[in-house]
């Protein structure tokens, strides 16, 4: 109930802030009325302006904002509303051109008026921002370079859009209106300065040292960190943090990883990291003693947020990392609930943390079901993928009897397929919890 109340209040705050530019535009003194389609075009433009600004709040990593929903859901919303905002921005001039074709000359980025040029360049910056985000890998843009260009293009898009509104002057026909909108945009832009400048200062006060890097199966590594001069970090099992490796907290090479250690073990902590490209491919070569910085904890993917007498965990590949944290925590708490782990992997020798998971099964009431895509000779367990039939056979009774919460983490296609299968089995959506790490 508390989480529901938080979601309601955050949603009210979000939509209230989204209305600010439109309210300022229609507040007295009002400009002379014009044709309906022109007024609609302007309204769409101000709604787009508000959404451009609010994107800075979504990525600022404020735990009070992200926790009720989960930061993965916030990032998904950020991507989807960003694309929708692009269409709103494009609709603004398209509707104007449909009503008054003579405005076509104003689309020249080097012609027209200064007001029209700033509007056109704002659209260009937004189109580049969306294109680089959607096709970063196809364009072979490195993660660190993408982060810099994303921030620069976002600031340019909002700044030029606000300048366009101020120079056009029609709906900011009073000095106070212009000041309010400029201040409103500056407040949101300042959030990225907080994230990139102020937060690193705070992280510098709580450094960490990489104390151990040990290989696991399937190009996966366990990375253990020790706190330097502070008491460590408290987190809920299943949460994650952004990890920076190197001497500077202003390092742009920052990546999200789930904790794999128990939340009951204070001081040192561990991450499970798989070699998947960019930074992760070199994780095994990082020197012991290297300094690191952590921004976290983040996320709502945790058994602590959904207390129950038993859980069903469904993992694929490195998605087992946050689930391992939950299992280790349950073991340290001497939990007596009934749990099930369905763990999918390509081959038996590629199952990361297999020995650890089986040791935990000896401490917990834990049933483990491995699903192999490429089974070895003599394998008698489930093969292929985690299908509806596998779920119904393995854990169907548990769903019906105990209403156990289900935690799913793994590749996006796997999670989507499992979610569909669970829905077909009649599992309520509120009983299903997922962690998607496609944050870029």
Protein backbone atom coordinates (compact mmCIF):
# COMPACT_ATOMS: atom_id res chain seq x y z
CA UNK A 1 0.00 0.00 0.00
CA UNK A 2 2.86 2.35 0.81
CA UNK A 3 4.47 1.69 -2.60
CA UNK A 4 1.11 2.32 -4.28
CA UNK A 5 0.73 5.64 -2.46
CA UNK A 6 4.25 6.64 -3.51
CA UNK A 7 3.49 5.83 -7.16
CA UNK A 8 0.34 7.94 -7.00
CA UNK A 9 2.12 10.95 -5.50
CA UNK A 10 5.06 10.73 -7.91
CA UNK A 11 2.64 10.48 -10.84
CA UNK A 12 0.67 13.51 -9.64
CA UNK A 13 3.90 15.50 -9.28
CA UNK A 14 5.07 14.42 -12.75
CA UNK A 15 1.85 15.39 -14.53
CA UNK A 16 1.60 18.61 -12.54
CA UNK A 17 5.07 19.65 -13.69
CA UNK A 18 4.23 18.60 -17.25
CA UNK A 19 1.40 21.15 -17.33
CA UNK A 20 3.54 24.13 -16.24
CA UNK A 21 4.53 25.40 -19.73
CA UNK A 22 0.98 25.07 -21.05
CA UNK A 23 -0.49 26.85 -18.01
CA UNK A 24 2.03 29.69 -18.36
CA UNK A 25 1.25 29.99 -22.09
CA UNK A 26 -2.52 30.39 -21.58
CA UNK A 27 -2.28 32.54 -18.45
CA UNK A 28 -3.20 36.24 -18.79
CA UNK A 29 -2.27 38.32 -20.63
CA UNK A 30 -3.43 36.02 -23.38
CA UNK A 31 -2.37 36.53 -27.00
CA UNK A 32 -5.09 37.20 -29.60
CA UNK A 33 -7.01 34.08 -30.57
CA UNK A 34 -6.09 32.34 -33.82
CA UNK A 35 -7.39 29.46 -35.93
CA UNK A 36 -8.01 26.15 -34.12
CA UNK A 37 -5.27 24.20 -35.90
CA UNK A 38 -2.68 26.87 -35.18
CA UNK A 39 -3.64 26.91 -31.51
CA UNK A 40 -3.49 23.10 -31.46
CA UNK A 41 -0.01 23.20 -32.98
CA UNK A 42 1.14 25.59 -30.27
CA UNK A 43 -0.39 23.45 -27.50
CA UNK A 44 1.40 20.38 -28.86
CA UNK A 45 4.64 22.39 -28.92
CA UNK A 46 4.33 23.39 -25.26
CA UNK A 47 3.50 19.82 -24.22
CA UNK A 48 6.61 18.66 -26.07
CA UNK A 49 8.65 21.35 -24.31
CA UNK A 50 7.49 20.07 -20.92
CA UNK A 51 8.37 16.48 -21.80
CA UNK A 52 11.83 17.49 -23.04
CA UNK A 53 12.50 19.09 -19.67
CA UNK A 54 11.08 16.26 -17.58
CA UNK A 55 13.44 13.76 -19.20
CA UNK A 56 16.25 15.30 -17.14
CA UNK A 57 14.38 14.40 -13.95
CA UNK A 58 13.85 10.81 -15.08
CA UNK A 59 17.59 10.15 -15.53
CA UNK A 60 18.74 11.97 -12.37
CA UNK A 61 18.60 8.72 -10.30
CA UNK A 62 16.54 10.10 -7.44
CA UNK A 63 15.72 7.02 -5.41
CA UNK A 64 12.48 8.51 -4.05
CA UNK A 65 11.23 8.91 -7.63
CA UNK A 66 12.49 5.65 -9.11
CA UNK A 67 11.99 3.27 -6.18
CA UNK A 68 8.16 3.05 -6.31
CA UNK A 69 8.32 1.98 -9.97
CA UNK A 70 11.79 0.46 -10.35
CA UNK A 71 14.52 2.25 -12.26
CA UNK A 72 14.30 -0.21 -15.15
CA UNK A 73 10.65 0.80 -15.66
CA UNK A 74 11.63 4.47 -15.35
CA UNK A 75 14.28 4.00 -18.06
CA UNK A 76 11.82 2.17 -20.31
CA UNK A 77 9.38 5.04 -19.88
CA UNK A 78 12.21 7.50 -20.60
CA UNK A 79 12.91 5.79 -23.93
CA UNK A 80 9.26 5.50 -24.93
CA UNK A 81 8.23 9.02 -23.92
CA UNK A 82 11.37 10.33 -25.65
CA UNK A 83 10.22 8.82 -28.95
CA UNK A 84 6.67 10.10 -28.39
CA UNK A 85 8.06 13.57 -27.65
CA UNK A 86 9.97 13.49 -30.93
CA UNK A 87 6.68 12.94 -32.79
CA UNK A 88 5.04 15.76 -30.81
CA UNK A 89 7.91 18.08 -31.72
CA UNK A 90 7.58 17.12 -35.40
CA UNK A 91 3.79 17.56 -35.26
CA UNK A 92 4.21 21.20 -34.21
CA UNK A 93 5.63 22.46 -37.57
CA UNK A 94 3.76 19.86 -39.67
CA UNK A 95 0.36 21.13 -38.47
CA UNK A 96 1.46 24.73 -39.06
CA UNK A 97 2.58 23.88 -42.61
CA UNK A 98 -0.71 22.11 -43.32
CA UNK A 99 -2.61 25.26 -42.35
CA UNK A 100 -0.18 27.81 -43.79
CA UNK A 101 2.11 26.35 -46.48
CA UNK A 102 3.90 29.70 -46.72
CA UNK A 103 5.66 28.80 -43.46
CA UNK A 104 7.79 26.29 -45.41
CA UNK A 105 10.45 28.97 -45.92
CA UNK A 106 10.86 29.09 -42.14
CA UNK A 107 12.19 25.52 -42.10
CA UNK A 108 15.50 26.63 -43.59
CA UNK A 109 17.99 26.19 -40.72
CA UNK A 110 20.08 29.02 -42.18
CA UNK A 111 17.22 31.30 -43.22
CA UNK A 112 13.97 32.65 -41.82
CA UNK A 113 14.03 34.42 -38.48
CA UNK A 114 16.22 33.71 -35.47
CA UNK A 115 13.15 32.27 -33.76
CA UNK A 116 12.49 29.82 -36.60
CA UNK A 117 16.16 28.85 -36.89
CA UNK A 118 16.42 27.96 -33.19
CA UNK A 119 13.26 25.85 -33.53
CA UNK A 120 14.64 23.98 -36.53
CA UNK A 121 18.00 23.35 -34.87
CA UNK A 122 16.21 22.07 -31.78
CA UNK A 123 14.42 19.52 -33.97
CA UNK A 124 17.70 18.51 -35.63
CA UNK A 125 19.35 17.99 -32.22
CA UNK A 126 16.40 15.88 -31.05
CA UNK A 127 16.43 13.71 -34.17
CA UNK A 128 20.16 13.07 -33.72
CA UNK A 129 19.63 12.26 -30.04
CA UNK A 130 16.93 9.69 -30.81
CA UNK A 131 18.86 8.19 -33.75
CA UNK A 132 22.06 7.76 -31.72
CA UNK A 133 20.10 6.12 -28.89
CA UNK A 134 18.13 3.70 -31.07
CA UNK A 135 21.01 2.71 -33.36
CA UNK A 136 24.05 3.19 -31.13
CA UNK A 137 25.40 -0.29 -31.72
CA UNK A 138 24.70 -0.25 -35.46
CA UNK A 139 26.52 3.09 -35.70
CA UNK A 140 29.34 1.64 -33.57
CA UNK A 141 29.20 4.48 -31.08
CA UNK A 142 30.99 3.58 -27.86
CA UNK A 143 29.05 3.72 -24.61
CA UNK A 144 31.12 6.55 -23.11
CA UNK A 145 30.94 8.66 -26.29
CA UNK A 146 27.21 8.01 -26.48
CA UNK A 147 26.72 9.27 -22.92
CA UNK A 148 28.53 12.53 -23.72
CA UNK A 149 26.67 13.13 -26.99
CA UNK A 150 23.35 12.18 -25.36
CA UNK A 151 23.81 14.79 -22.63
CA UNK A 152 25.03 17.50 -25.02
CA UNK A 153 22.22 16.90 -27.53
CA UNK A 154 19.60 16.81 -24.75
CA UNK A 155 20.74 20.17 -23.37
CA UNK A 156 20.92 21.61 -26.89
CA UNK A 157 17.42 20.36 -27.73
CA UNK A 158 15.81 21.87 -24.64
CA UNK A 159 17.86 25.07 -24.71
CA UNK A 160 17.12 25.79 -28.37
CA UNK A 161 13.43 24.93 -27.89
CA UNK A 162 13.14 27.36 -24.99
CA UNK A 163 15.01 30.03 -27.00
CA UNK A 164 12.58 29.45 -29.87
CA UNK A 165 9.61 30.07 -27.53
CA UNK A 166 11.22 33.22 -26.07
CA UNK A 167 12.13 34.69 -29.45
CA UNK A 168 8.71 33.91 -30.97
CA UNK A 169 7.21 35.80 -28.03
CA UNK A 170 3.58 35.08 -28.85
CA UNK A 171 2.78 33.03 -25.76
CA UNK A 172 5.36 34.66 -23.50
CA UNK A 173 3.97 38.12 -24.13
CA UNK A 174 4.75 39.25 -20.59
CA UNK A 175 8.21 39.36 -18.97
CA UNK A 176 7.10 37.18 -16.05
CA UNK A 177 6.02 34.39 -18.42
CA UNK A 178 9.38 34.33 -20.13
CA UNK A 179 11.23 34.30 -16.81
CA UNK A 180 9.13 31.47 -15.42
CA UNK A 181 9.70 29.24 -18.45
CA UNK A 182 13.42 29.97 -18.58
CA UNK A 183 13.78 29.25 -14.85
CA UNK A 184 11.67 26.10 -15.22
CA UNK A 185 13.96 24.76 -17.99
CA UNK A 186 17.13 25.75 -16.09
CA UNK A 187 15.98 23.81 -13.02
CA UNK A 188 15.67 20.61 -15.05
CA UNK A 189 18.93 21.14 -16.94
CA UNK A 190 20.66 21.63 -13.58
CA UNK A 191 19.74 18.03 -12.73
CA UNK A 192 22.24 16.74 -15.25
CA UNK A 193 24.87 18.97 -13.65
CA UNK A 194 23.96 17.38 -10.33
CA UNK A 195 24.35 13.90 -11.81
CA UNK A 196 27.64 14.62 -13.59
CA UNK A 197 29.28 17.14 -11.20
CA UNK A 198 27.79 17.08 -7.70
CA UNK A 199 27.19 13.34 -7.37
CA UNK A 200 30.82 12.44 -8.21
CA UNK A 201 31.92 14.70 -5.35
CA UNK A 202 29.71 12.68 -3.01
CA UNK A 203 31.01 9.39 -4.44
CA UNK A 204 34.61 10.53 -3.92
CA UNK A 205 33.98 10.59 -0.17
CA UNK A 206 33.12 6.88 -0.17
CA UNK A 207 35.66 5.07 -2.39
CA UNK A 208 35.98 1.32 -2.76
CA UNK A 209 38.85 -1.02 -3.59
CA UNK A 210 38.65 -4.06 -5.85
CA UNK A 211 39.82 -6.80 -3.52
CA UNK A 212 39.19 -9.91 -5.62
CA UNK A 213 38.25 -10.93 -9.15
CA UNK A 214 37.60 -14.63 -9.56
CA UNK A 215 36.43 -16.44 -12.70
CA UNK A 216 33.10 -18.20 -12.84
CA UNK A 217 31.72 -20.28 -15.71
CA UNK A 218 30.88 -18.90 -19.15
CA UNK A 219 33.09 -15.80 -19.24
CA UNK A 220 31.54 -14.59 -15.97
CA UNK A 221 33.46 -13.02 -13.10
CA UNK A 222 32.77 -12.37 -9.44
CA UNK A 223 34.11 -8.97 -8.44
CA UNK A 224 34.50 -8.29 -4.71
CA UNK A 225 34.85 -4.73 -3.42
CA UNK A 226 36.01 -3.53 -0.01
CA UNK A 227 35.09 -0.08 1.39
CA UNK A 228 37.89 2.45 1.95
CA UNK A 229 37.49 4.32 5.23
CA UNK A 230 33.73 3.94 5.53
CA UNK A 231 31.19 1.39 6.67
CA UNK A 232 30.16 0.12 3.27
CA UNK A 233 26.76 0.12 1.63
CA UNK A 234 23.40 -1.23 2.77
CA UNK A 235 21.21 -2.59 0.00
CA UNK A 236 18.20 -4.82 -0.48
CA UNK A 237 18.89 -8.22 -2.09
CA UNK A 238 18.32 -7.94 -5.84
CA UNK A 239 19.22 -4.26 -6.15
CA UNK A 240 22.04 -2.89 -8.29
CA UNK A 241 24.53 -0.02 -8.46
CA UNK A 242 26.41 1.90 -11.12
CA UNK A 243 30.06 0.92 -10.95
CA UNK A 244 32.98 3.16 -11.91
CA UNK A 245 36.46 1.63 -11.99
CA UNK A 246 39.45 3.96 -11.82
CA UNK A 247 40.95 6.74 -9.75
CA UNK A 248 38.37 9.41 -10.65
CA UNK A 249 34.66 9.47 -9.73
CA UNK A 250 34.16 11.71 -12.81
CA UNK A 251 35.03 8.76 -15.03
CA UNK A 252 32.40 8.40 -17.76
CA UNK A 253 32.86 4.62 -17.93
CA UNK A 254 29.97 3.79 -15.61
CA UNK A 255 27.86 0.65 -15.84
CA UNK A 256 24.96 -0.89 -13.86
CA UNK A 257 25.53 -4.27 -12.20
CA UNK A 258 23.40 -6.25 -9.78
CA UNK A 259 24.77 -7.14 -6.37
CA UNK A 260 25.35 -10.88 -6.11
CA UNK A 261 26.36 -10.91 -2.44
CA UNK A 262 24.09 -11.26 0.56
CA UNK A 263 22.48 -8.12 1.89
CA UNK A 264 23.19 -9.47 5.38
CA UNK A 265 26.97 -9.41 4.84
CA UNK A 266 28.01 -5.88 5.72
CA UNK A 267 31.24 -4.31 4.54
CA UNK A 268 32.49 -6.01 1.37
CA UNK A 269 30.12 -6.76 -1.47
CA UNK A 270 30.17 -8.62 -4.77
CA UNK A 271 28.90 -8.29 -8.32
CA UNK A 272 28.44 -10.98 -10.95
CA UNK A 273 29.69 -9.60 -14.28
CA UNK A 274 29.58 -11.34 -17.65
CA UNK A 275 31.74 -10.37 -20.63
CA UNK A 276 29.22 -8.80 -23.00
CA UNK A 277 31.19 -5.99 -24.64
CA UNK A 278 32.60 -2.52 -23.92
CA UNK A 279 33.82 -2.36 -20.30
CA UNK A 280 32.86 -5.90 -19.30
CA UNK A 281 35.20 -7.59 -21.79
CA UNK A 282 38.18 -6.36 -19.79
CA UNK A 283 36.86 -6.90 -16.28
CA UNK A 284 39.07 -9.94 -15.73
CA UNK A 285 42.18 -7.87 -16.43
CA UNK A 286 41.49 -5.16 -13.83
CA UNK A 287 44.26 -5.06 -11.23
CA UNK A 288 43.54 -5.98 -7.62
CA UNK A 289 43.72 -2.82 -5.54
CA UNK A 290 42.15 -0.62 -8.23
CA UNK A 291 39.90 2.06 -6.81
CA UNK A 292 36.19 2.02 -7.63
CA UNK A 293 33.10 4.12 -6.94
CA UNK A 294 29.49 3.02 -6.50
CA UNK A 295 26.30 4.96 -7.15
CA UNK A 296 23.53 3.04 -5.48
CA UNK A 297 21.71 1.09 -4.39
CA UNK A 298 18.94 1.35 -6.98
CA UNK A 299 15.96 -0.71 -8.07
CA UNK A 300 12.87 -2.29 -6.56
CA UNK A 301 13.57 -5.84 -7.77
CA UNK A 302 13.86 -7.39 -4.33
CA UNK A 303 12.26 -9.93 -2.05
CA UNK A 304 12.36 -7.28 0.68
CA UNK A 305 9.74 -5.32 -1.23
CA UNK A 306 7.51 -8.40 -1.56
CA UNK A 307 7.69 -10.44 1.66
CA UNK A 308 6.32 -13.99 1.37
CA UNK A 309 6.78 -17.52 2.71
CA UNK A 310 8.35 -18.68 -0.55
CA UNK A 311 9.46 -17.46 -3.97
CA UNK A 312 9.86 -18.64 -7.53
CA UNK A 313 13.06 -17.41 -9.22
CA UNK A 314 13.50 -17.65 -13.00
CA UNK A 315 16.94 -16.79 -14.36
CA UNK A 316 18.68 -16.79 -17.70
CA UNK A 317 22.45 -16.34 -18.05
CA UNK A 318 23.91 -13.54 -15.93
CA UNK A 319 20.36 -12.72 -14.84
CA UNK A 320 21.08 -15.13 -12.01
CA UNK A 321 23.23 -12.46 -10.32
CA UNK A 322 20.46 -10.55 -8.45
CA UNK A 323 18.71 -13.86 -7.74
CA UNK A 324 21.92 -15.19 -6.23
CA UNK A 325 21.92 -12.17 -3.93
CA UNK A 326 18.38 -13.00 -2.84
CA UNK A 327 19.20 -16.67 -2.25
CA UNK A 328 22.34 -15.84 -0.27
CA UNK A 329 20.35 -13.37 1.82
CA UNK A 330 17.61 -15.92 2.48
CA UNK A 331 20.24 -18.43 3.58
CA UNK A 332 21.87 -15.92 5.94
CA UNK A 333 18.45 -15.15 7.40
CA UNK A 334 17.85 -18.89 7.91
CA UNK A 335 14.66 -18.66 5.92
CA UNK A 336 12.31 -21.64 6.13
CA UNK A 337 10.12 -20.87 3.12
CA UNK A 338 9.73 -23.10 0.05
CA UNK A 339 11.52 -21.76 -3.02
CA UNK A 340 12.04 -22.79 -6.64
CA UNK A 341 14.80 -21.71 -9.04
CA UNK A 342 14.38 -22.28 -12.77
CA UNK A 343 17.75 -21.53 -14.36
CA UNK A 344 18.17 -21.52 -18.16
CA UNK A 345 21.54 -21.70 -19.86
CA UNK A 346 22.96 -22.85 -23.17
CA UNK A 347 25.10 -25.72 -21.81
CA UNK A 348 25.84 -27.43 -18.52
CA UNK A 349 29.44 -26.17 -18.39
CA UNK A 350 28.29 -22.58 -18.90
CA UNK A 351 26.03 -22.38 -15.84
CA UNK A 352 27.55 -19.61 -13.74
CA UNK A 353 27.50 -19.99 -9.93
CA UNK A 354 26.19 -23.58 -10.21
CA UNK A 355 28.21 -24.86 -7.28
CA UNK A 356 27.19 -21.88 -5.15
CA UNK A 357 23.52 -22.33 -5.99
CA UNK A 358 23.63 -26.02 -5.11
CA UNK A 359 25.34 -25.22 -1.80
CA UNK A 360 22.51 -22.80 -1.04
CA UNK A 361 19.97 -25.51 -1.86
CA UNK A 362 21.45 -27.52 1.03
CA UNK A 363 20.74 -24.61 3.40
CA UNK A 364 17.32 -23.67 2.04
CA UNK A 365 14.17 -25.48 1.00
CA UNK A 366 15.15 -24.81 -2.62
CA UNK A 367 14.19 -26.82 -5.69
CA UNK A 368 16.54 -26.19 -8.64
CA UNK A 369 15.49 -26.88 -12.23
CA UNK A 370 18.07 -26.37 -14.98
CA UNK A 371 16.88 -25.86 -18.56
CA UNK A 372 19.57 -26.49 -21.16
CA UNK A 373 19.40 -25.23 -24.72
CA UNK A 374 22.17 -27.64 -25.82
CA UNK A 375 21.85 -30.67 -23.50
CA UNK A 376 24.71 -33.12 -23.15
CA UNK A 377 24.34 -36.85 -23.66
CA UNK A 378 22.35 -38.44 -20.89
CA UNK A 379 20.61 -35.20 -19.84
CA UNK A 380 17.12 -35.94 -18.52
CA UNK A 381 15.98 -32.46 -17.51
CA UNK A 382 14.04 -29.86 -19.52
CA UNK A 383 15.64 -28.78 -22.80
CA UNK A 384 15.31 -25.82 -25.13
CA UNK A 385 13.78 -22.77 -23.49
CA UNK A 386 11.63 -22.01 -20.45
CA UNK A 387 8.26 -22.75 -21.98
CA UNK A 388 4.78 -22.70 -20.55
CA UNK A 389 4.91 -26.50 -20.26
CA UNK A 390 8.12 -26.32 -18.21
CA UNK A 391 6.63 -23.73 -15.88
CA UNK A 392 3.38 -25.65 -15.51
CA UNK A 393 5.20 -28.91 -14.78
CA UNK A 394 7.78 -27.48 -12.40
CA UNK A 395 6.08 -24.76 -10.45
CA UNK A 396 2.42 -24.79 -11.41
CA UNK A 397 1.31 -26.25 -8.08
CA UNK A 398 3.34 -23.69 -6.17
CA UNK A 399 1.60 -20.85 -7.95
CA UNK A 400 -1.82 -22.27 -7.12
CA UNK A 401 -1.05 -23.18 -3.54
CA UNK A 402 1.14 -20.53 -2.01
CA UNK A 403 0.74 -17.58 -4.41
CA UNK A 404 4.48 -17.20 -4.39
CA UNK A 405 5.94 -14.02 -5.94
CA UNK A 406 7.88 -14.69 -9.15
CA UNK A 407 11.19 -12.94 -9.85
CA UNK A 408 12.48 -13.07 -13.44
CA UNK A 409 15.83 -11.81 -14.71
CA UNK A 410 17.65 -12.61 -17.93
CA UNK A 411 17.75 -11.67 -21.61
CA UNK A 412 14.81 -9.56 -22.78
CA UNK A 413 13.35 -12.21 -25.15
CA UNK A 414 13.41 -14.80 -22.38
CA UNK A 415 11.70 -12.53 -19.87
CA UNK A 416 8.99 -11.53 -22.35
CA UNK A 417 8.31 -15.16 -23.25
CA UNK A 418 8.21 -16.23 -19.59
CA UNK A 419 5.90 -13.36 -18.70
CA UNK A 420 3.49 -14.39 -21.46
CA UNK A 421 3.57 -18.01 -20.29
CA UNK A 422 2.87 -17.02 -16.71
CA UNK A 423 -0.07 -14.86 -17.83
CA UNK A 424 -1.45 -17.82 -19.80
CA UNK A 425 -1.17 -19.89 -16.64
CA UNK A 426 -3.30 -17.33 -14.82
CA UNK A 427 -0.55 -15.82 -12.70
CA UNK A 428 -1.62 -12.26 -11.70
CA UNK A 429 0.60 -9.49 -13.03
CA UNK A 430 1.16 -8.11 -9.55
CA UNK A 431 2.74 -11.45 -8.62
CA UNK A 432 5.38 -11.14 -11.40
CA UNK A 433 8.51 -9.03 -10.90
CA UNK A 434 11.18 -8.47 -13.55
CA UNK A 435 14.48 -6.64 -13.91
CA UNK A 436 15.40 -5.39 -17.40
CA UNK A 437 18.91 -4.01 -17.72
CA UNK A 438 18.53 -2.54 -21.20
CA UNK A 439 19.10 0.94 -19.77
CA UNK A 440 20.70 2.39 -22.91
